N, C-alpha and C. Protein backbone atom coordinates (compact mmCIF):
# COMPACT_ATOMS: atom_id res chain seq x y z
N GLY A 1 18.80 6.66 -4.21
CA GLY A 1 17.95 7.82 -4.18
C GLY A 1 16.88 7.77 -5.23
N PHE A 2 17.30 7.72 -6.49
CA PHE A 2 16.33 7.76 -7.59
C PHE A 2 15.49 6.50 -7.62
N PHE A 3 16.14 5.33 -7.54
CA PHE A 3 15.40 4.08 -7.60
C PHE A 3 14.56 3.86 -6.35
N GLY A 4 15.03 4.34 -5.21
CA GLY A 4 14.22 4.26 -3.99
C GLY A 4 12.95 5.08 -4.09
N GLY A 5 13.08 6.28 -4.67
CA GLY A 5 11.89 7.12 -4.87
C GLY A 5 10.92 6.51 -5.86
N CYS A 6 11.46 5.91 -6.92
CA CYS A 6 10.60 5.25 -7.91
C CYS A 6 9.87 4.06 -7.29
N SER A 7 10.57 3.27 -6.49
CA SER A 7 9.93 2.11 -5.90
C SER A 7 8.89 2.51 -4.85
N CYS A 8 9.16 3.56 -4.10
CA CYS A 8 8.14 4.03 -3.15
C CYS A 8 6.91 4.55 -3.88
N GLY A 9 7.14 5.21 -5.01
CA GLY A 9 6.01 5.66 -5.82
C GLY A 9 5.22 4.51 -6.40
N LEU A 10 5.92 3.43 -6.76
CA LEU A 10 5.24 2.26 -7.31
C LEU A 10 4.44 1.51 -6.25
N VAL A 11 4.72 1.77 -4.99
CA VAL A 11 3.98 1.13 -3.91
C VAL A 11 2.85 2.02 -3.42
N PHE A 12 3.10 3.31 -3.25
CA PHE A 12 2.11 4.20 -2.63
C PHE A 12 0.93 4.48 -3.55
N ILE A 13 1.18 4.80 -4.80
CA ILE A 13 0.10 5.16 -5.72
C ILE A 13 -0.87 4.00 -5.94
N PRO A 14 -0.40 2.76 -6.20
CA PRO A 14 -1.38 1.67 -6.35
C PRO A 14 -2.19 1.40 -5.09
N SER A 15 -1.59 1.61 -3.92
CA SER A 15 -2.36 1.37 -2.70
C SER A 15 -3.47 2.40 -2.54
N ILE A 16 -3.24 3.64 -2.94
CA ILE A 16 -4.30 4.65 -2.88
C ILE A 16 -5.41 4.30 -3.88
N ILE A 17 -5.02 3.88 -5.07
CA ILE A 17 -6.01 3.56 -6.10
C ILE A 17 -6.85 2.35 -5.70
N ILE A 18 -6.22 1.31 -5.16
CA ILE A 18 -6.96 0.11 -4.82
C ILE A 18 -7.89 0.35 -3.63
N VAL A 19 -7.48 1.21 -2.70
CA VAL A 19 -8.36 1.54 -1.58
C VAL A 19 -9.59 2.29 -2.09
N ASN A 20 -9.41 3.20 -3.03
CA ASN A 20 -10.56 3.91 -3.60
C ASN A 20 -11.48 2.98 -4.38
N GLU A 21 -10.94 1.89 -4.88
CA GLU A 21 -11.76 0.91 -5.61
C GLU A 21 -12.64 0.11 -4.66
N TYR A 22 -12.11 -0.25 -3.50
CA TYR A 22 -12.83 -1.12 -2.58
C TYR A 22 -13.72 -0.38 -1.58
N PHE A 23 -13.35 0.82 -1.20
CA PHE A 23 -14.11 1.55 -0.18
C PHE A 23 -14.89 2.67 -0.85
N HIS A 24 -16.21 2.64 -0.69
CA HIS A 24 -17.03 3.68 -1.27
C HIS A 24 -17.62 4.59 -0.20
N GLN A 25 -18.11 4.02 0.88
CA GLN A 25 -18.78 4.83 1.90
C GLN A 25 -17.79 5.52 2.83
N LYS A 26 -16.77 4.85 3.27
CA LYS A 26 -15.81 5.42 4.22
C LYS A 26 -14.45 5.59 3.56
N ARG A 27 -14.46 6.15 2.36
CA ARG A 27 -13.24 6.31 1.57
C ARG A 27 -12.27 7.27 2.24
N GLY A 28 -12.77 8.33 2.86
CA GLY A 28 -11.90 9.30 3.52
C GLY A 28 -11.12 8.70 4.67
N ILE A 29 -11.80 7.89 5.47
CA ILE A 29 -11.12 7.24 6.59
C ILE A 29 -10.07 6.26 6.07
N ALA A 30 -10.41 5.50 5.04
CA ALA A 30 -9.46 4.54 4.49
C ALA A 30 -8.23 5.24 3.91
N ASN A 31 -8.43 6.35 3.20
CA ASN A 31 -7.29 7.10 2.67
C ASN A 31 -6.47 7.72 3.78
N GLY A 32 -7.11 8.14 4.86
CA GLY A 32 -6.38 8.68 6.00
C GLY A 32 -5.50 7.64 6.66
N ILE A 33 -6.00 6.42 6.77
CA ILE A 33 -5.19 5.34 7.36
C ILE A 33 -4.00 5.03 6.46
N ILE A 34 -4.23 5.01 5.15
CA ILE A 34 -3.13 4.75 4.21
C ILE A 34 -2.07 5.84 4.30
N ALA A 35 -2.50 7.10 4.32
CA ALA A 35 -1.54 8.21 4.37
C ALA A 35 -0.79 8.24 5.69
N SER A 36 -1.47 7.96 6.79
CA SER A 36 -0.78 7.96 8.08
C SER A 36 0.16 6.77 8.21
N GLY A 37 -0.13 5.68 7.50
CA GLY A 37 0.75 4.51 7.55
C GLY A 37 2.13 4.80 7.00
N SER A 38 2.21 5.63 5.97
CA SER A 38 3.53 5.95 5.42
C SER A 38 4.33 6.79 6.42
N GLY A 39 3.69 7.70 7.13
CA GLY A 39 4.38 8.50 8.13
C GLY A 39 4.85 7.67 9.32
N VAL A 40 3.99 6.79 9.77
CA VAL A 40 4.35 5.91 10.90
C VAL A 40 5.47 4.96 10.47
N GLY A 41 5.40 4.48 9.24
CA GLY A 41 6.46 3.60 8.74
C GLY A 41 7.81 4.28 8.73
N LEU A 42 7.85 5.54 8.30
CA LEU A 42 9.12 6.27 8.30
C LEU A 42 9.61 6.54 9.72
N LEU A 43 8.69 6.76 10.65
CA LEU A 43 9.06 6.98 12.04
C LEU A 43 9.68 5.73 12.65
N VAL A 44 9.15 4.58 12.31
CA VAL A 44 9.67 3.31 12.82
C VAL A 44 10.96 2.92 12.10
N LEU A 45 11.07 3.31 10.83
CA LEU A 45 12.21 2.90 10.03
C LEU A 45 13.52 3.56 10.46
N ALA A 46 13.47 4.76 11.03
CA ALA A 46 14.69 5.47 11.43
C ALA A 46 15.52 4.69 12.45
N PRO A 47 14.95 4.21 13.56
CA PRO A 47 15.77 3.42 14.49
C PRO A 47 16.23 2.09 13.90
N ILE A 48 15.41 1.50 13.03
CA ILE A 48 15.81 0.24 12.40
C ILE A 48 17.02 0.46 11.51
N ILE A 49 17.04 1.58 10.78
CA ILE A 49 18.18 1.88 9.92
C ILE A 49 19.44 2.09 10.77
N ASN A 50 19.32 2.75 11.92
CA ASN A 50 20.48 2.92 12.80
C ASN A 50 21.04 1.58 13.26
N VAL A 51 20.17 0.66 13.62
CA VAL A 51 20.63 -0.66 14.06
C VAL A 51 21.28 -1.41 12.89
N LEU A 52 20.68 -1.31 11.70
CA LEU A 52 21.26 -1.97 10.53
C LEU A 52 22.62 -1.38 10.18
N LEU A 53 22.76 -0.07 10.28
CA LEU A 53 24.05 0.56 10.00
C LEU A 53 25.12 0.10 10.97
N ASP A 54 24.76 -0.03 12.25
CA ASP A 54 25.73 -0.51 13.24
C ASP A 54 26.10 -1.97 13.01
N THR A 55 25.14 -2.75 12.53
CA THR A 55 25.37 -4.19 12.38
C THR A 55 26.00 -4.56 11.03
N TYR A 56 25.46 -4.00 9.94
CA TYR A 56 25.86 -4.44 8.60
C TYR A 56 26.59 -3.39 7.79
N ALA A 57 26.86 -2.23 8.32
CA ALA A 57 27.51 -1.12 7.61
C ALA A 57 26.59 -0.60 6.50
N LEU A 58 27.08 0.32 5.72
CA LEU A 58 26.25 0.99 4.72
C LEU A 58 25.82 0.05 3.60
N ASP A 59 26.74 -0.78 3.11
CA ASP A 59 26.41 -1.68 2.00
C ASP A 59 25.31 -2.68 2.37
N GLY A 60 25.42 -3.29 3.53
CA GLY A 60 24.41 -4.25 3.97
C GLY A 60 23.07 -3.60 4.23
N THR A 61 23.09 -2.39 4.76
CA THR A 61 21.83 -1.68 5.04
C THR A 61 21.11 -1.34 3.75
N ILE A 62 21.84 -0.84 2.76
CA ILE A 62 21.22 -0.51 1.48
C ILE A 62 20.69 -1.78 0.81
N PHE A 63 21.44 -2.87 0.89
CA PHE A 63 20.99 -4.14 0.32
C PHE A 63 19.71 -4.61 0.99
N PHE A 64 19.64 -4.50 2.31
CA PHE A 64 18.45 -4.92 3.05
C PHE A 64 17.25 -4.06 2.67
N LEU A 65 17.43 -2.74 2.64
CA LEU A 65 16.31 -1.85 2.30
C LEU A 65 15.86 -2.04 0.85
N ALA A 66 16.80 -2.33 -0.05
CA ALA A 66 16.43 -2.61 -1.44
C ALA A 66 15.59 -3.88 -1.52
N GLY A 67 15.92 -4.87 -0.72
CA GLY A 67 15.11 -6.10 -0.70
C GLY A 67 13.71 -5.86 -0.17
N VAL A 68 13.60 -5.03 0.87
CA VAL A 68 12.28 -4.70 1.41
C VAL A 68 11.45 -3.96 0.37
N LEU A 69 12.04 -2.97 -0.30
CA LEU A 69 11.29 -2.22 -1.32
C LEU A 69 10.94 -3.09 -2.51
N LEU A 70 11.79 -4.02 -2.88
CA LEU A 70 11.47 -4.93 -3.98
C LEU A 70 10.27 -5.80 -3.61
N ASN A 71 10.23 -6.30 -2.39
CA ASN A 71 9.08 -7.09 -1.95
C ASN A 71 7.81 -6.25 -1.92
N MET A 72 7.92 -5.00 -1.52
CA MET A 72 6.75 -4.12 -1.51
C MET A 72 6.25 -3.87 -2.93
N CYS A 73 7.15 -3.70 -3.88
CA CYS A 73 6.74 -3.49 -5.28
C CYS A 73 6.04 -4.73 -5.83
N ILE A 74 6.55 -5.90 -5.49
CA ILE A 74 5.92 -7.14 -5.96
C ILE A 74 4.53 -7.29 -5.35
N CYS A 75 4.40 -6.96 -4.07
CA CYS A 75 3.07 -7.04 -3.44
C CYS A 75 2.10 -6.05 -4.05
N SER A 76 2.56 -4.86 -4.42
CA SER A 76 1.66 -3.89 -5.03
C SER A 76 1.25 -4.31 -6.43
N CYS A 77 2.07 -5.14 -7.09
CA CYS A 77 1.68 -5.67 -8.41
C CYS A 77 0.58 -6.71 -8.29
N LEU A 78 0.38 -7.26 -7.12
CA LEU A 78 -0.64 -8.29 -6.92
C LEU A 78 -2.01 -7.71 -6.58
N PHE A 79 -2.13 -6.40 -6.45
CA PHE A 79 -3.43 -5.80 -6.20
C PHE A 79 -4.36 -6.08 -7.37
N ARG A 80 -5.59 -6.39 -7.09
CA ARG A 80 -6.58 -6.65 -8.13
C ARG A 80 -7.80 -5.77 -7.90
N THR A 81 -8.32 -5.24 -8.98
CA THR A 81 -9.54 -4.45 -8.88
C THR A 81 -10.74 -5.39 -8.87
N LEU A 82 -11.88 -4.86 -8.52
CA LEU A 82 -13.09 -5.65 -8.51
C LEU A 82 -13.52 -5.93 -9.95
N GLY A 83 -13.94 -7.15 -10.21
CA GLY A 83 -14.43 -7.50 -11.53
C GLY A 83 -15.84 -6.96 -11.74
N GLN A 84 -16.38 -7.15 -12.91
CA GLN A 84 -17.72 -6.66 -13.19
C GLN A 84 -18.77 -7.43 -12.42
N ASN A 85 -18.52 -8.70 -12.14
CA ASN A 85 -19.48 -9.52 -11.41
C ASN A 85 -19.39 -9.35 -9.91
N LEU A 86 -18.30 -8.75 -9.44
CA LEU A 86 -18.10 -8.56 -8.01
C LEU A 86 -18.34 -7.11 -7.64
N SER A 87 -18.87 -6.90 -6.47
CA SER A 87 -19.00 -5.54 -5.96
C SER A 87 -18.72 -5.59 -4.47
N PRO A 88 -18.21 -4.49 -3.89
CA PRO A 88 -17.83 -4.53 -2.49
C PRO A 88 -19.02 -4.69 -1.55
N LEU A 89 -20.10 -3.97 -1.80
CA LEU A 89 -21.28 -4.05 -0.96
C LEU A 89 -22.52 -4.01 -1.86
N VAL A 90 -23.33 -5.02 -1.78
CA VAL A 90 -24.58 -5.04 -2.54
C VAL A 90 -25.68 -5.20 -1.52
N SER A 91 -26.56 -4.22 -1.48
CA SER A 91 -27.63 -4.29 -0.49
C SER A 91 -28.80 -5.09 -1.05
N VAL A 92 -29.69 -5.48 -0.18
CA VAL A 92 -30.85 -6.26 -0.57
C VAL A 92 -31.77 -5.42 -1.46
N THR A 93 -31.88 -4.14 -1.19
CA THR A 93 -32.75 -3.28 -1.99
C THR A 93 -32.24 -3.15 -3.42
N ASP A 94 -30.91 -3.14 -3.60
CA ASP A 94 -30.35 -3.09 -4.95
C ASP A 94 -30.71 -4.35 -5.73
N LYS A 95 -30.66 -5.50 -5.09
CA LYS A 95 -31.01 -6.74 -5.76
C LYS A 95 -32.49 -6.80 -6.09
N CYS A 96 -33.34 -6.27 -5.21
CA CYS A 96 -34.78 -6.26 -5.47
C CYS A 96 -35.09 -5.33 -6.64
N ASP A 97 -34.38 -4.20 -6.71
CA ASP A 97 -34.61 -3.26 -7.83
C ASP A 97 -34.22 -3.88 -9.16
N GLU A 98 -33.12 -4.69 -9.16
CA GLU A 98 -32.68 -5.32 -10.39
C GLU A 98 -33.66 -6.37 -10.87
N GLU A 99 -34.29 -7.09 -9.95
CA GLU A 99 -35.21 -8.17 -10.32
C GLU A 99 -36.52 -7.62 -10.86
N SER A 100 -36.97 -6.47 -10.41
CA SER A 100 -38.26 -5.95 -10.86
C SER A 100 -38.13 -5.06 -12.06
């Protein structure tokens, strides 16, 4: 319970932050897709948990879900923000303004 909530928080919050870093013009749509993904994931996870409980009992199911959450935490640690030399979208007019 407690560690599952902590690991979900360690995955969800960085994904929101990194999306806001990369998307500037359509940030609302990107955040909407991220937020709806967690709901859809929980909807899909319920039948999977039932199958896991029937197959591996409670101990195996918790072990499997802990492994999935651990992999998600590791993937969220690999998120990188844009460096100072990189930008998501640079238009031609911005480059012309910098040169003059």
